[in-house]
Amino acid sequence: MSTPARLTIFELAGGEETFRRLVDRFYAGVASDPLLRPLYPGEDLSGAAERLRLFLEQYWGGPPAYSERRGHPRLRMRHLPFAIGRAERDAWLRHMKEAVDSIDLHPKVRSAFLEYFEAASTAMINRADR
């Protein structure tokens, strides 16, 4: 008798469509946030949205498109040029929590997302509060 393969969080969450909705809702909040919006150069957030979506899909067990296009994620290194203090981290996390809460997720997937976003956003802090 064979054992069924374990599903990835990517699959349990609903695949690409779920990650697309999550990231779209997140960036809708960022677009109008006076603290965060200046951290995203240019008028168009679509490039940042695509990078985040591809990263999250790969991180949670989806296709490796992020690494294929951009190499190793190196999150801290990629975020060093941007001044991220506690206030920026809190604003980023607030928008991400709102995005997570806006989509229907299995409770274990929701919990995994929120735990990861809490830890990852804290790890990106690279400036003391003013």
C-alpha atoms as a PDB file:
ATOM      1  CA  MET A   1       0.000   0.000   0.000  1.00  0.00           C
ATOM      2  CA  SER A   2       1.404   3.397  -0.933  1.00  0.00           C
ATOM      3  CA  THR A   3       1.242   6.485   1.236  1.00  0.00           C
ATOM      4  CA  PRO A   4      -0.327   9.578  -0.309  1.00  0.00           C
ATOM      5  CA  ALA A   5       2.150  12.352  -0.993  1.00  0.00           C
ATOM      6  CA  ARG A   6       2.043  15.235   1.466  1.00  0.00           C
ATOM      7  CA  LEU A   7       0.657  18.411   0.014  1.00  0.00           C
ATOM      8  CA  THR A   8       2.768  21.549   0.171  1.00  0.00           C
ATOM      9  CA  ILE A   9       1.489  24.744   1.757  1.00  0.00           C
ATOM     10  CA  PHE A  10       1.454  26.123  -1.800  1.00  0.00           C
ATOM     11  CA  GLU A  11      -1.048  23.409  -2.770  1.00  0.00           C
ATOM     12  CA  LEU A  12      -3.041  23.573   0.475  1.00  0.00           C
ATOM     13  CA  ALA A  13      -3.387  27.343   0.093  1.00  0.00           C
ATOM     14  CA  GLY A  14      -4.870  26.981  -3.391  1.00  0.00           C
ATOM     15  CA  GLY A  15      -1.854  27.428  -5.639  1.00  0.00           C
ATOM     16  CA  GLU A  16      -0.932  30.401  -7.793  1.00  0.00           C
ATOM     17  CA  GLU A  17      -4.391  31.990  -7.747  1.00  0.00           C
ATOM     18  CA  THR A  18      -4.359  32.286  -3.952  1.00  0.00           C
ATOM     19  CA  PHE A  19      -0.875  33.797  -3.913  1.00  0.00           C
ATOM     20  CA  ARG A  20      -1.862  36.222  -6.666  1.00  0.00           C
ATOM     21  CA  ARG A  21      -4.898  37.385  -4.654  1.00  0.00           C
ATOM     22  CA  LEU A  22      -2.822  37.659  -1.471  1.00  0.00           C
ATOM     23  CA  VAL A  23      -0.138  39.789  -3.113  1.00  0.00           C
ATOM     24  CA  ASP A  24      -2.650  41.934  -5.037  1.00  0.00           C
ATOM     25  CA  ARG A  25      -4.513  42.732  -1.817  1.00  0.00           C
ATOM     26  CA  PHE A  26      -1.267  43.419   0.023  1.00  0.00           C
ATOM     27  CA  TYR A  27      -0.045  45.887  -2.613  1.00  0.00           C
ATOM     28  CA  ALA A  28      -3.448  47.603  -2.738  1.00  0.00           C
ATOM     29  CA  GLY A  29      -2.761  48.587   0.871  1.00  0.00           C
ATOM     30  CA  VAL A  30       0.865  49.518   0.228  1.00  0.00           C
ATOM     31  CA  ALA A  31      -0.116  51.741  -2.703  1.00  0.00           C
ATOM     32  CA  SER A  32      -1.943  54.163  -0.421  1.00  0.00           C
ATOM     33  CA  ASP A  33       0.297  53.888   2.644  1.00  0.00           C
ATOM     34  CA  PRO A  34       2.226  57.148   3.196  1.00  0.00           C
ATOM     35  CA  LEU A  35       4.992  55.369   5.145  1.00  0.00           C
ATOM     36  CA  LEU A  36       5.539  52.379   2.839  1.00  0.00           C
ATOM     37  CA  ARG A  37       4.816  53.717  -0.631  1.00  0.00           C
ATOM     38  CA  PRO A  38       8.034  55.812  -0.775  1.00  0.00           C
ATOM     39  CA  LEU A  39      10.048  52.608  -0.238  1.00  0.00           C
ATOM     40  CA  TYR A  40       8.909  51.321  -3.644  1.00  0.00           C
ATOM     41  CA  PRO A  41      10.618  53.278  -6.419  1.00  0.00           C
ATOM     42  CA  GLY A  42       8.607  54.150  -9.483  1.00  0.00           C
ATOM     43  CA  GLU A  43       4.907  54.529 -10.002  1.00  0.00           C
ATOM     44  CA  ASP A  44       4.170  50.936 -10.958  1.00  0.00           C
ATOM     45  CA  LEU A  45       4.111  48.316  -8.185  1.00  0.00           C
ATOM     46  CA  SER A  46       3.582  45.393 -10.576  1.00  0.00           C
ATOM     47  CA  GLY A  47       7.260  44.385 -10.629  1.00  0.00           C
ATOM     48  CA  ALA A  48       7.464  44.304  -6.836  1.00  0.00           C
ATOM     49  CA  ALA A  49       4.186  42.384  -6.716  1.00  0.00           C
ATOM     50  CA  GLU A  50       5.414  39.777  -9.164  1.00  0.00           C
ATOM     51  CA  ARG A  51       8.693  39.310  -7.265  1.00  0.00           C
ATOM     52  CA  LEU A  52       6.877  38.883  -3.953  1.00  0.00           C
ATOM     53  CA  ARG A  53       4.364  36.453  -5.442  1.00  0.00           C
ATOM     54  CA  LEU A  54       7.055  34.324  -7.073  1.00  0.00           C
ATOM     55  CA  PHE A  55       9.106  34.313  -3.876  1.00  0.00           C
ATOM     56  CA  LEU A  56       6.147  33.287  -1.708  1.00  0.00           C
ATOM     57  CA  GLU A  57       5.058  30.581  -4.128  1.00  0.00           C
ATOM     58  CA  GLN A  58       8.565  29.110  -4.163  1.00  0.00           C
ATOM     59  CA  TYR A  59       9.022  29.443  -0.384  1.00  0.00           C
ATOM     60  CA  TRP A  60       5.805  27.539   0.264  1.00  0.00           C
ATOM     61  CA  GLY A  61       6.594  24.672  -2.111  1.00  0.00           C
ATOM     62  CA  GLY A  62       5.478  25.965  -5.486  1.00  0.00           C
ATOM     63  CA  PRO A  63       7.524  26.293  -8.677  1.00  0.00           C
ATOM     64  CA  PRO A  64      11.102  27.631  -8.380  1.00  0.00           C
ATOM     65  CA  ALA A  65      10.460  30.546 -10.758  1.00  0.00           C
ATOM     66  CA  TYR A  66      11.808  33.132  -8.322  1.00  0.00           C
ATOM     67  CA  SER A  67      15.251  31.522  -8.092  1.00  0.00           C
ATOM     68  CA  GLU A  68      15.304  30.750 -11.798  1.00  0.00           C
ATOM     69  CA  ARG A  69      14.786  34.450 -12.589  1.00  0.00           C
ATOM     70  CA  ARG A  70      16.571  36.187  -9.717  1.00  0.00           C
ATOM     71  CA  GLY A  71      18.888  33.684  -8.051  1.00  0.00           C
ATOM     72  CA  HIS A  72      18.991  33.061  -4.327  1.00  0.00           C
ATOM     73  CA  PRO A  73      16.437  35.207  -2.472  1.00  0.00           C
ATOM     74  CA  ARG A  74      18.959  36.871  -0.092  1.00  0.00           C
ATOM     75  CA  LEU A  75      16.121  38.795   1.509  1.00  0.00           C
ATOM     76  CA  ARG A  76      18.148  40.871   3.969  1.00  0.00           C
ATOM     77  CA  MET A  77      20.689  41.843   1.319  1.00  0.00           C
ATOM     78  CA  ARG A  78      17.985  42.841  -1.173  1.00  0.00           C
ATOM     79  CA  HIS A  79      16.255  45.005   1.436  1.00  0.00           C
ATOM     80  CA  LEU A  80      19.347  46.791   2.803  1.00  0.00           C
ATOM     81  CA  PRO A  81      19.024  49.790   0.454  1.00  0.00           C
ATOM     82  CA  PHE A  82      15.634  50.580   2.022  1.00  0.00           C
ATOM     83  CA  ALA A  83      15.321  52.159   5.471  1.00  0.00           C
ATOM     84  CA  ILE A  84      13.210  49.676   7.400  1.00  0.00           C
ATOM     85  CA  GLY A  85      12.589  50.495  11.032  1.00  0.00           C
ATOM     86  CA  ARG A  86       9.962  49.195  13.439  1.00  0.00           C
ATOM     87  CA  ALA A  87       7.317  51.558  12.030  1.00  0.00           C
ATOM     88  CA  GLU A  88       7.875  50.357   8.435  1.00  0.00           C
ATOM     89  CA  ARG A  89       7.898  46.744   9.591  1.00  0.00           C
ATOM     90  CA  ASP A  90       4.654  47.235  11.524  1.00  0.00           C
ATOM     91  CA  ALA A  91       2.954  48.908   8.551  1.00  0.00           C
ATOM     92  CA  TRP A  92       4.143  46.141   6.188  1.00  0.00           C
ATOM     93  CA  LEU A  93       2.923  43.451   8.575  1.00  0.00           C
ATOM     94  CA  ARG A  94      -0.437  45.185   9.073  1.00  0.00           C
ATOM     95  CA  HIS A  95      -1.076  45.210   5.304  1.00  0.00           C
ATOM     96  CA  MET A  96       0.019  41.595   4.978  1.00  0.00           C
ATOM     97  CA  LYS A  97      -2.222  40.474   7.855  1.00  0.00           C
ATOM     98  CA  GLU A  98      -5.137  42.305   6.237  1.00  0.00           C
ATOM     99  CA  ALA A  99      -4.373  40.544   2.950  1.00  0.00           C
ATOM    100  CA  VAL A 100      -4.194  37.146   4.668  1.00  0.00           C
ATOM    101  CA  ASP A 101      -7.475  37.815   6.464  1.00  0.00           C
ATOM    102  CA  SER A 102      -9.156  38.829   3.200  1.00  0.00           C
ATOM    103  CA  ILE A 103      -8.833  35.386   1.633  1.00  0.00           C
ATOM    104  CA  ASP A 104     -10.332  32.080   2.714  1.00  0.00           C
ATOM    105  CA  LEU A 105      -7.489  29.911   4.006  1.00  0.00           C
ATOM    106  CA  HIS A 106      -7.378  26.682   5.968  1.00  0.00           C
ATOM    107  CA  PRO A 107      -6.613  27.644   9.603  1.00  0.00           C
ATOM    108  CA  LYS A 108      -3.254  25.835   9.537  1.00  0.00           C
ATOM    109  CA  VAL A 109      -2.224  27.632   6.332  1.00  0.00           C
ATOM    110  CA  ARG A 110      -3.321  30.973   7.787  1.00  0.00           C
ATOM    111  CA  SER A 111      -1.333  30.295  10.942  1.00  0.00           C
ATOM    112  CA  ALA A 112       1.777  29.290   8.957  1.00  0.00           C
ATOM    113  CA  PHE A 113       1.527  32.438   6.827  1.00  0.00           C
ATOM    114  CA  LEU A 114       1.118  34.764   9.796  1.00  0.00           C
ATOM    115  CA  GLU A 115       3.952  33.136  11.736  1.00  0.00           C
ATOM    116  CA  TYR A 116       6.286  33.434   8.745  1.00  0.00           C
ATOM    117  CA  PHE A 117       5.323  37.033   7.949  1.00  0.00           C
ATOM    118  CA  GLU A 118       5.847  38.056  11.577  1.00  0.00           C
ATOM    119  CA  ALA A 119       9.354  36.558  11.674  1.00  0.00           C
ATOM    120  CA  ALA A 120      10.394  37.622   8.154  1.00  0.00           C
ATOM    121  CA  SER A 121       9.236  41.206   8.575  1.00  0.00           C
ATOM    122  CA  THR A 122      11.113  41.511  11.853  1.00  0.00           C
ATOM    123  CA  ALA A 123      14.257  40.138  10.196  1.00  0.00           C
ATOM    124  CA  MET A 124      14.109  42.910   7.575  1.00  0.00           C
ATOM    125  CA  ILE A 125      14.505  45.708  10.158  1.00  0.00           C
ATOM    126  CA  ASN A 126      17.782  47.411   9.290  1.00  0.00           C
ATOM    127  CA  ARG A 127      17.477  50.879  10.876  1.00  0.00           C
ATOM    128  CA  ALA A 128      16.885  52.107  14.409  1.00  0.00           C
ATOM    129  CA  ASP A 129      13.659  53.979  14.956  1.00  0.00           C
ATOM    130  CA  ARG A 130      13.977  57.707  14.546  1.00  0.00           C
END
